[in-house]
PDB file of all heavy atoms in Angstrom:
ATOM      1  N   PHE A   1      -1.911  -7.784   4.083  1.00  0.00           N
ATOM      2  CA  PHE A   1      -2.930  -6.833   4.577  1.00  0.00           C
ATOM      3  C   PHE A   1      -2.114  -5.562   5.140  1.00  0.00           C
ATOM      4  O   PHE A   1      -1.136  -5.606   5.961  1.00  0.00           O
ATOM      5  CB  PHE A   1      -3.653  -7.488   5.782  1.00  0.00           C
ATOM      6  CG  PHE A   1      -4.646  -6.577   6.305  1.00  0.00           C
ATOM      7  CD1 PHE A   1      -5.830  -6.399   5.792  1.00  0.00           C
ATOM      8  CD2 PHE A   1      -4.509  -5.901   7.542  1.00  0.00           C
ATOM      9  CE1 PHE A   1      -6.874  -5.602   6.311  1.00  0.00           C
ATOM     10  CE2 PHE A   1      -5.390  -5.168   8.112  1.00  0.00           C
ATOM     11  CZ  PHE A   1      -6.684  -4.992   7.441  1.00  0.00           C
ATOM     12  N   TYR A   2      -2.510  -4.461   4.694  1.00  0.00           N
ATOM     13  CA  TYR A   2      -1.940  -3.223   5.202  1.00  0.00           C
ATOM     14  C   TYR A   2      -3.081  -2.338   5.693  1.00  0.00           C
ATOM     15  O   TYR A   2      -4.109  -2.141   5.086  1.00  0.00           O
ATOM     16  CB  TYR A   2      -1.171  -2.471   3.965  1.00  0.00           C
ATOM     17  CG  TYR A   2       0.077  -3.104   3.575  1.00  0.00           C
ATOM     18  CD1 TYR A   2      -0.052  -4.078   2.519  1.00  0.00           C
ATOM     19  CD2 TYR A   2       1.243  -2.762   4.148  1.00  0.00           C
ATOM     20  CE1 TYR A   2       1.108  -4.695   2.205  1.00  0.00           C
ATOM     21  CE2 TYR A   2       2.435  -3.354   3.693  1.00  0.00           C
ATOM     22  CZ  TYR A   2       2.323  -4.341   2.706  1.00  0.00           C
ATOM     23  OH  TYR A   2       3.507  -4.937   2.219  1.00  0.00           O
ATOM     24  N   GLU A   3      -3.031  -1.884   6.895  1.00  0.00           N
ATOM     25  CA  GLU A   3      -4.008  -1.042   7.492  1.00  0.00           C
ATOM     26  C   GLU A   3      -3.525   0.359   7.769  1.00  0.00           C
ATOM     27  O   GLU A   3      -2.441   0.630   8.287  1.00  0.00           O
ATOM     28  CB  GLU A   3      -4.367  -1.686   8.992  1.00  0.00           C
ATOM     29  CG  GLU A   3      -5.460  -0.947   9.673  1.00  0.00           C
ATOM     30  CD  GLU A   3      -5.918  -1.539  10.910  1.00  0.00           C
ATOM     31  OE1 GLU A   3      -5.540  -2.754  11.231  1.00  0.00           O
ATOM     32  OE2 GLU A   3      -6.728  -1.059  11.616  1.00  0.00           O
ATOM     33  N   MET A   4      -4.399   1.339   7.207  1.00  0.00           N
ATOM     34  CA  MET A   4      -3.976   2.657   7.381  1.00  0.00           C
ATOM     35  C   MET A   4      -5.211   3.512   7.812  1.00  0.00           C
ATOM     36  O   MET A   4      -6.385   3.134   7.839  1.00  0.00           O
ATOM     37  CB  MET A   4      -3.511   3.278   5.874  1.00  0.00           C
ATOM     38  CG  MET A   4      -2.290   2.500   5.414  1.00  0.00           C
ATOM     39  SD  MET A   4      -1.850   3.213   3.852  1.00  0.00           S
ATOM     40  CE  MET A   4      -0.191   2.487   3.611  1.00  0.00           C
ATOM     41  N   ASN A   5      -4.946   4.749   8.112  1.00  0.00           N
ATOM     42  CA  ASN A   5      -6.109   5.683   8.539  1.00  0.00           C
ATOM     43  C   ASN A   5      -5.877   6.886   7.688  1.00  0.00           C
ATOM     44  O   ASN A   5      -4.811   7.436   7.396  1.00  0.00           O
ATOM     45  CB  ASN A   5      -5.949   6.084  10.078  1.00  0.00           C
ATOM     46  CG  ASN A   5      -7.136   6.879  10.529  1.00  0.00           C
ATOM     47  OD1 ASN A   5      -7.319   8.011  10.002  1.00  0.00           O
ATOM     48  ND2 ASN A   5      -7.917   6.220  11.452  1.00  0.00           N
ATOM     49  N   ALA A   6      -7.009   7.396   7.074  1.00  0.00           N
ATOM     50  CA  ALA A   6      -7.116   8.426   6.276  1.00  0.00           C
ATOM     51  C   ALA A   6      -6.538   9.825   6.750  1.00  0.00           C
ATOM     52  O   ALA A   6      -5.880  10.563   6.017  1.00  0.00           O
ATOM     53  CB  ALA A   6      -8.521   8.670   5.632  1.00  0.00           C
ATOM     54  N   THR A   7      -6.626   9.939   8.057  1.00  0.00           N
ATOM     55  CA  THR A   7      -6.181  11.169   8.687  1.00  0.00           C
ATOM     56  C   THR A   7      -4.619  11.252   8.792  1.00  0.00           C
ATOM     57  O   THR A   7      -4.140  12.329   8.942  1.00  0.00           O
ATOM     58  CB  THR A   7      -6.711  11.216  10.071  1.00  0.00           C
ATOM     59  OG1 THR A   7      -6.367  10.180  10.881  1.00  0.00           O
ATOM     60  CG2 THR A   7      -8.266  11.270  10.126  1.00  0.00           C
ATOM     61  N   THR A   8      -3.953  10.018   8.758  1.00  0.00           N
ATOM     62  CA  THR A   8      -2.529  10.032   8.804  1.00  0.00           C
ATOM     63  C   THR A   8      -1.721   9.503   7.636  1.00  0.00           C
ATOM     64  O   THR A   8      -0.570   9.258   7.519  1.00  0.00           O
ATOM     65  CB  THR A   8      -2.007   9.306  10.111  1.00  0.00           C
ATOM     66  OG1 THR A   8      -2.549   7.877  10.000  1.00  0.00           O
ATOM     67  CG2 THR A   8      -2.568   9.922  11.401  1.00  0.00           C
ATOM     68  N   LEU A   9      -2.607   9.039   6.661  1.00  0.00           N
ATOM     69  CA  LEU A   9      -2.097   8.450   5.447  1.00  0.00           C
ATOM     70  C   LEU A   9      -1.077   9.391   4.702  1.00  0.00           C
ATOM     71  O   LEU A   9      -1.537  10.491   4.439  1.00  0.00           O
ATOM     72  CB  LEU A   9      -3.255   7.922   4.683  1.00  0.00           C
ATOM     73  CG  LEU A   9      -2.945   7.069   3.315  1.00  0.00           C
ATOM     74  CD1 LEU A   9      -3.996   6.049   3.002  1.00  0.00           C
ATOM     75  CD2 LEU A   9      -2.715   7.989   2.147  1.00  0.00           C
ATOM     76  N   LYS A  10      -0.035   8.816   4.305  1.00  0.00           N
ATOM     77  CA  LYS A  10       0.927   9.533   3.532  1.00  0.00           C
ATOM     78  C   LYS A  10       1.010   8.986   2.009  1.00  0.00           C
ATOM     79  O   LYS A  10       1.115   7.719   1.831  1.00  0.00           O
ATOM     80  CB  LYS A  10       2.360   9.596   4.119  1.00  0.00           C
ATOM     81  CG  LYS A  10       2.448  10.308   5.575  1.00  0.00           C
ATOM     82  CD  LYS A  10       3.849  10.165   6.084  1.00  0.00           C
ATOM     83  CE  LYS A  10       3.859  10.906   7.524  1.00  0.00           C
ATOM     84  NZ  LYS A  10       5.264  10.838   8.107  1.00  0.00           N
ATOM     85  N   ILE A  11       0.918   9.835   1.065  1.00  0.00           N
ATOM     86  CA  ILE A  11       0.968   9.311  -0.235  1.00  0.00           C
ATOM     87  C   ILE A  11       2.226   8.507  -0.616  1.00  0.00           C
ATOM     88  O   ILE A  11       2.196   7.609  -1.266  1.00  0.00           O
ATOM     89  CB  ILE A  11       0.753  10.610  -1.172  1.00  0.00           C
ATOM     90  CG1 ILE A  11      -0.712  11.180  -1.076  1.00  0.00           C
ATOM     91  CG2 ILE A  11       0.997  10.221  -2.591  1.00  0.00           C
ATOM     92  CD1 ILE A  11      -0.806  12.512  -1.821  1.00  0.00           C
ATOM     93  N   GLU A  12       3.191   8.951  -0.066  1.00  0.00           N
ATOM     94  CA  GLU A  12       4.481   8.304  -0.222  1.00  0.00           C
ATOM     95  C   GLU A  12       4.526   6.934   0.194  1.00  0.00           C
ATOM     96  O   GLU A  12       5.008   5.931  -0.370  1.00  0.00           O
ATOM     97  CB  GLU A  12       5.778   9.051   0.314  1.00  0.00           C
ATOM     98  CG  GLU A  12       7.118   8.670  -0.033  1.00  0.00           C
ATOM     99  CD  GLU A  12       7.312   8.743  -1.606  1.00  0.00           C
ATOM    100  OE1 GLU A  12       6.685   9.688  -2.327  1.00  0.00           O
ATOM    101  OE2 GLU A  12       7.945   7.784  -2.098  1.00  0.00           O
ATOM    102  N   ASP A  13       3.844   6.659   1.381  1.00  0.00           N
ATOM    103  CA  ASP A  13       3.713   5.247   1.986  1.00  0.00           C
ATOM    104  C   ASP A  13       2.919   4.435   0.921  1.00  0.00           C
ATOM    105  O   ASP A  13       3.265   3.176   0.758  1.00  0.00           O
ATOM    106  CB  ASP A  13       3.029   5.252   3.231  1.00  0.00           C
ATOM    107  CG  ASP A  13       3.989   6.062   4.305  1.00  0.00           C
ATOM    108  OD1 ASP A  13       5.155   6.001   4.117  1.00  0.00           O
ATOM    109  OD2 ASP A  13       3.522   6.448   5.348  1.00  0.00           O
ATOM    110  N   LEU A  14       1.902   4.891   0.431  1.00  0.00           N
ATOM    111  CA  LEU A  14       1.089   4.204  -0.596  1.00  0.00           C
ATOM    112  C   LEU A  14       1.920   3.876  -1.818  1.00  0.00           C
ATOM    113  O   LEU A  14       1.806   2.677  -2.371  1.00  0.00           O
ATOM    114  CB  LEU A  14      -0.112   5.061  -0.984  1.00  0.00           C
ATOM    115  CG  LEU A  14      -1.348   5.149  -0.143  1.00  0.00           C
ATOM    116  CD1 LEU A  14      -2.458   6.154  -0.723  1.00  0.00           C
ATOM    117  CD2 LEU A  14      -2.077   3.734   0.007  1.00  0.00           C
ATOM    118  N   ARG A  15       2.605   4.693  -2.305  1.00  0.00           N
ATOM    119  CA  ARG A  15       3.389   4.556  -3.519  1.00  0.00           C
ATOM    120  C   ARG A  15       4.485   3.398  -3.219  1.00  0.00           C
ATOM    121  O   ARG A  15       4.745   2.522  -4.029  1.00  0.00           O
ATOM    122  CB  ARG A  15       4.163   5.765  -3.973  1.00  0.00           C
ATOM    123  CG  ARG A  15       3.114   6.760  -4.550  1.00  0.00           C
ATOM    124  CD  ARG A  15       3.966   7.970  -5.352  1.00  0.00           C
ATOM    125  NE  ARG A  15       2.967   8.736  -6.111  1.00  0.00           N
ATOM    126  CZ  ARG A  15       2.857  10.043  -5.834  1.00  0.00           C
ATOM    127  NH1 ARG A  15       3.426  10.536  -4.745  1.00  0.00           N
ATOM    128  NH2 ARG A  15       1.924  10.669  -6.656  1.00  0.00           N
ATOM    129  N   LYS A  16       5.112   3.433  -2.042  1.00  0.00           N
ATOM    130  CA  LYS A  16       6.016   2.339  -1.573  1.00  0.00           C
ATOM    131  C   LYS A  16       5.479   0.990  -1.676  1.00  0.00           C
ATOM    132  O   LYS A  16       5.963  -0.020  -2.181  1.00  0.00           O
ATOM    133  CB  LYS A  16       6.602   2.588  -0.278  1.00  0.00           C
ATOM    134  CG  LYS A  16       7.622   3.843  -0.189  1.00  0.00           C
ATOM    135  CD  LYS A  16       8.201   4.113   1.184  1.00  0.00           C
ATOM    136  CE  LYS A  16       9.113   5.286   1.186  1.00  0.00           C
ATOM    137  NZ  LYS A  16       9.594   5.508   2.594  1.00  0.00           N
ATOM    138  N   ILE A  17       4.199   0.887  -1.148  1.00  0.00           N
ATOM    139  CA  ILE A  17       3.474  -0.417  -1.150  1.00  0.00           C
ATOM    140  C   ILE A  17       3.166  -0.843  -2.550  1.00  0.00           C
ATOM    141  O   ILE A  17       3.446  -2.038  -2.826  1.00  0.00           O
ATOM    142  CB  ILE A  17       2.152  -0.384  -0.351  1.00  0.00           C
ATOM    143  CG1 ILE A  17       2.384   0.031   1.051  1.00  0.00           C
ATOM    144  CG2 ILE A  17       1.413  -1.653  -0.507  1.00  0.00           C
ATOM    145  CD1 ILE A  17       1.235   0.333   1.870  1.00  0.00           C
ATOM    146  N   PHE A  18       2.635  -0.043  -3.395  1.00  0.00           N
ATOM    147  CA  PHE A  18       2.402  -0.360  -4.794  1.00  0.00           C
ATOM    148  C   PHE A  18       3.639  -0.812  -5.509  1.00  0.00           C
ATOM    149  O   PHE A  18       3.530  -1.662  -6.179  1.00  0.00           O
ATOM    150  CB  PHE A  18       1.657   0.945  -5.470  1.00  0.00           C
ATOM    151  CG  PHE A  18       0.382   1.085  -4.920  1.00  0.00           C
ATOM    152  CD1 PHE A  18      -0.097   2.436  -4.700  1.00  0.00           C
ATOM    153  CD2 PHE A  18      -0.693   0.143  -4.692  1.00  0.00           C
ATOM    154  CE1 PHE A  18      -1.351   2.786  -4.184  1.00  0.00           C
ATOM    155  CE2 PHE A  18      -1.933   0.417  -4.354  1.00  0.00           C
ATOM    156  CZ  PHE A  18      -2.275   1.753  -4.013  1.00  0.00           C
ATOM    157  N   LYS A  19       4.775  -0.076  -5.256  1.00  0.00           N
ATOM    158  CA  LYS A  19       5.987  -0.367  -5.866  1.00  0.00           C
ATOM    159  C   LYS A  19       6.491  -1.710  -5.644  1.00  0.00           C
ATOM    160  O   LYS A  19       7.009  -2.472  -6.297  1.00  0.00           O
ATOM    161  CB  LYS A  19       7.018   0.738  -5.742  1.00  0.00           C
ATOM    162  CG  LYS A  19       8.247   0.612  -6.456  1.00  0.00           C
ATOM    163  CD  LYS A  19       9.246   1.679  -6.139  1.00  0.00           C
ATOM    164  CE  LYS A  19      10.552   1.518  -6.958  1.00  0.00           C
ATOM    165  NZ  LYS A  19      11.655   2.611  -6.615  1.00  0.00           N
ATOM    166  N   ALA A  20       6.339  -2.022  -4.182  1.00  0.00           N
ATOM    167  CA  ALA A  20       6.824  -3.367  -3.732  1.00  0.00           C
ATOM    168  C   ALA A  20       6.115  -4.505  -4.292  1.00  0.00           C
ATOM    169  O   ALA A  20       6.586  -5.606  -4.422  1.00  0.00           O
ATOM    170  CB  ALA A  20       6.660  -3.418  -2.234  1.00  0.00           C
ATOM    171  N   TYR A  21       4.907  -4.363  -4.876  1.00  0.00           N
ATOM    172  CA  TYR A  21       4.109  -5.451  -5.466  1.00  0.00           C
ATOM    173  C   TYR A  21       3.830  -5.312  -6.930  1.00  0.00           C
ATOM    174  O   TYR A  21       3.028  -5.944  -7.489  1.00  0.00           O
ATOM    175  CB  TYR A  21       2.721  -5.468  -4.696  1.00  0.00           C
ATOM    176  CG  TYR A  21       2.835  -5.908  -3.262  1.00  0.00           C
ATOM    177  CD1 TYR A  21       3.041  -5.043  -2.189  1.00  0.00           C
ATOM    178  CD2 TYR A  21       2.812  -7.357  -2.883  1.00  0.00           C
ATOM    179  CE1 TYR A  21       3.133  -5.499  -0.914  1.00  0.00           C
ATOM    180  CE2 TYR A  21       2.895  -7.755  -1.699  1.00  0.00           C
ATOM    181  CZ  TYR A  21       3.113  -6.882  -0.704  1.00  0.00           C
ATOM    182  OH  TYR A  21       3.052  -7.325   0.679  1.00  0.00           O
ATOM    183  N   THR A  22       4.703  -4.504  -7.613  1.00  0.00           N
ATOM    184  CA  THR A  22       4.518  -4.210  -8.967  1.00  0.00           C
ATOM    185  C   THR A  22       4.539  -5.518  -9.729  1.00  0.00           C
ATOM    186  O   THR A  22       3.777  -5.777 -10.661  1.00  0.00           O
ATOM    187  CB  THR A  22       5.760  -3.248  -9.582  1.00  0.00           C
ATOM    188  OG1 THR A  22       5.699  -2.142  -8.851  1.00  0.00           O
ATOM    189  CG2 THR A  22       5.608  -3.038 -10.998  1.00  0.00           C
ATOM    190  N   ASN A  23       5.447  -6.419  -9.583  1.00  0.00           N
ATOM    191  CA  ASN A  23       5.646  -7.537 -10.252  1.00  0.00           C
ATOM    192  C   ASN A  23       5.074  -8.886  -9.572  1.00  0.00           C
ATOM    193  O   ASN A  23       5.353 -10.049 -10.077  1.00  0.00           O
ATOM    194  CB  ASN A  23       7.008  -7.893 -10.793  1.00  0.00           C
ATOM    195  CG  ASN A  23       7.511  -6.690 -11.668  1.00  0.00           C
ATOM    196  OD1 ASN A  23       6.888  -6.347 -12.591  1.00  0.00           O
ATOM    197  ND2 ASN A  23       8.784  -6.210 -11.384  1.00  0.00           N
ATOM    198  N   ALA A  24       4.535  -8.684  -8.457  1.00  0.00           N
ATOM    199  CA  ALA A  24       3.966  -9.816  -7.558  1.00  0.00           C
ATOM    200  C   ALA A  24       2.698 -10.380  -8.206  1.00  0.00           C
ATOM    201  O   ALA A  24       1.874  -9.660  -8.730  1.00  0.00           O
ATOM    202  CB  ALA A  24       3.796  -9.331  -6.158  1.00  0.00           C
ATOM    203  N   LEU A  25       2.541 -11.756  -8.090  1.00  0.00           N
ATOM    204  CA  LEU A  25       1.396 -12.340  -8.630  1.00  0.00           C
ATOM    205  C   LEU A  25       0.198 -11.940  -7.642  1.00  0.00           C
ATOM    206  O   LEU A  25      -0.939 -11.841  -8.014  1.00  0.00           O
ATOM    207  CB  LEU A  25       1.569 -13.787  -8.664  1.00  0.00           C
ATOM    208  CG  LEU A  25       2.624 -14.257  -9.693  1.00  0.00           C
ATOM    209  CD1 LEU A  25       2.771 -15.728  -9.665  1.00  0.00           C
ATOM    210  CD2 LEU A  25       2.085 -13.983 -11.131  1.00  0.00           C
ATOM    211  N   GLN A  26       0.425 -11.980  -6.362  1.00  0.00           N
ATOM    212  CA  GLN A  26      -0.664 -11.695  -5.334  1.00  0.00           C
ATOM    213  C   GLN A  26      -0.469 -10.259  -4.874  1.00  0.00           C
ATOM    214  O   GLN A  26       0.485  -9.835  -4.293  1.00  0.00           O
ATOM    215  CB  GLN A  26      -0.498 -12.666  -4.106  1.00  0.00           C
ATOM    216  CG  GLN A  26      -1.601 -12.593  -3.217  1.00  0.00           C
ATOM    217  CD  GLN A  26      -2.988 -13.163  -3.845  1.00  0.00           C
ATOM    218  OE1 GLN A  26      -3.424 -12.306  -4.625  1.00  0.00           O
ATOM    219  NE2 GLN A  26      -3.493 -14.099  -3.385  1.00  0.00           N
ATOM    220  N   LYS A  27      -1.552  -9.425  -5.130  1.00  0.00           N
ATOM    221  CA  LYS A  27      -1.550  -8.055  -4.839  1.00  0.00           C
ATOM    222  C   LYS A  27      -2.011  -7.952  -3.393  1.00  0.00           C
ATOM    223  O   LYS A  27      -2.842  -8.712  -2.942  1.00  0.00           O
ATOM    224  CB  LYS A  27      -2.420  -7.375  -5.843  1.00  0.00           C
ATOM    225  CG  LYS A  27      -1.956  -7.394  -7.256  1.00  0.00           C
ATOM    226  CD  LYS A  27      -0.682  -6.948  -7.495  1.00  0.00           C
ATOM    227  CE  LYS A  27      -0.235  -6.999  -9.057  1.00  0.00           C
ATOM    228  NZ  LYS A  27       1.122  -6.718  -9.251  1.00  0.00           N
ATOM    229  N   PRO A  28      -1.725  -6.801  -2.740  1.00  0.00           N
ATOM    230  CA  PRO A  28      -2.036  -6.618  -1.389  1.00  0.00           C
ATOM    231  C   PRO A  28      -3.507  -6.145  -1.268  1.00  0.00           C
ATOM    232  O   PRO A  28      -4.055  -5.664  -2.112  1.00  0.00           O
ATOM    233  CB  PRO A  28      -1.077  -5.544  -0.893  1.00  0.00           C
ATOM    234  CG  PRO A  28      -0.807  -4.730  -2.080  1.00  0.00           C
ATOM    235  CD  PRO A  28      -0.680  -5.769  -3.247  1.00  0.00           C
ATOM    236  N   LEU A  29      -4.007  -6.194   0.024  1.00  0.00           N
ATOM    237  CA  LEU A  29      -5.211  -5.503   0.351  1.00  0.00           C
ATOM    238  C   LEU A  29      -4.849  -4.302   1.182  1.00  0.00           C
ATOM    239  O   LEU A  29      -4.197  -4.543   2.242  1.00  0.00           O
ATOM    240  CB  LEU A  29      -6.217  -6.534   1.153  1.00  0.00           C
ATOM    241  CG  LEU A  29      -7.542  -5.973   1.308  1.00  0.00           C
ATOM    242  CD1 LEU A  29      -8.592  -7.107   1.526  1.00  0.00           C
ATOM    243  CD2 LEU A  29      -7.578  -5.089   2.718  1.00  0.00           C
ATOM    244  N   ILE A  30      -5.381  -3.227   0.808  1.00  0.00           N
ATOM    245  CA  ILE A  30      -5.002  -2.002   1.554  1.00  0.00           C
ATOM    246  C   ILE A  30      -6.300  -1.515   2.268  1.00  0.00           C
ATOM    247  O   ILE A  30      -7.300  -1.134   1.493  1.00  0.00           O
ATOM    248  CB  ILE A  30      -4.354  -0.894   0.746  1.00  0.00           C
ATOM    249  CG1 ILE A  30      -3.055  -1.305   0.095  1.00  0.00           C
ATOM    250  CG2 ILE A  30      -4.157   0.430   1.546  1.00  0.00           C
ATOM    251  CD1 ILE A  30      -2.363  -0.394  -0.834  1.00  0.00           C
ATOM    252  N   PHE A  31      -6.249  -1.498   3.488  1.00  0.00           N
ATOM    253  CA  PHE A  31      -7.552  -1.077   4.295  1.00  0.00           C
ATOM    254  C   PHE A  31      -7.293   0.293   4.781  1.00  0.00           C
ATOM    255  O   PHE A  31      -6.286   0.576   5.411  1.00  0.00           O
ATOM    256  CB  PHE A  31      -7.740  -2.093   5.431  1.00  0.00           C
ATOM    257  CG  PHE A  31      -8.896  -1.704   6.357  1.00  0.00           C
ATOM    258  CD1 PHE A  31     -10.167  -1.835   6.025  1.00  0.00           C
ATOM    259  CD2 PHE A  31      -8.637  -1.068   7.645  1.00  0.00           C
ATOM    260  CE1 PHE A  31     -11.175  -1.377   6.763  1.00  0.00           C
ATOM    261  CE2 PHE A  31      -9.635  -0.730   8.425  1.00  0.00           C
ATOM    262  CZ  PHE A  31     -10.948  -0.878   7.979  1.00  0.00           C
TER     263      PHE A  31
END
């Protein structure tokens, strides 16, 4: 579970999360 706020959300942070789970069987939930 990753919790973010649209007002402070950084695109680079999103990309890092997606990259970390590229080959993972269980994908994250981004709130």
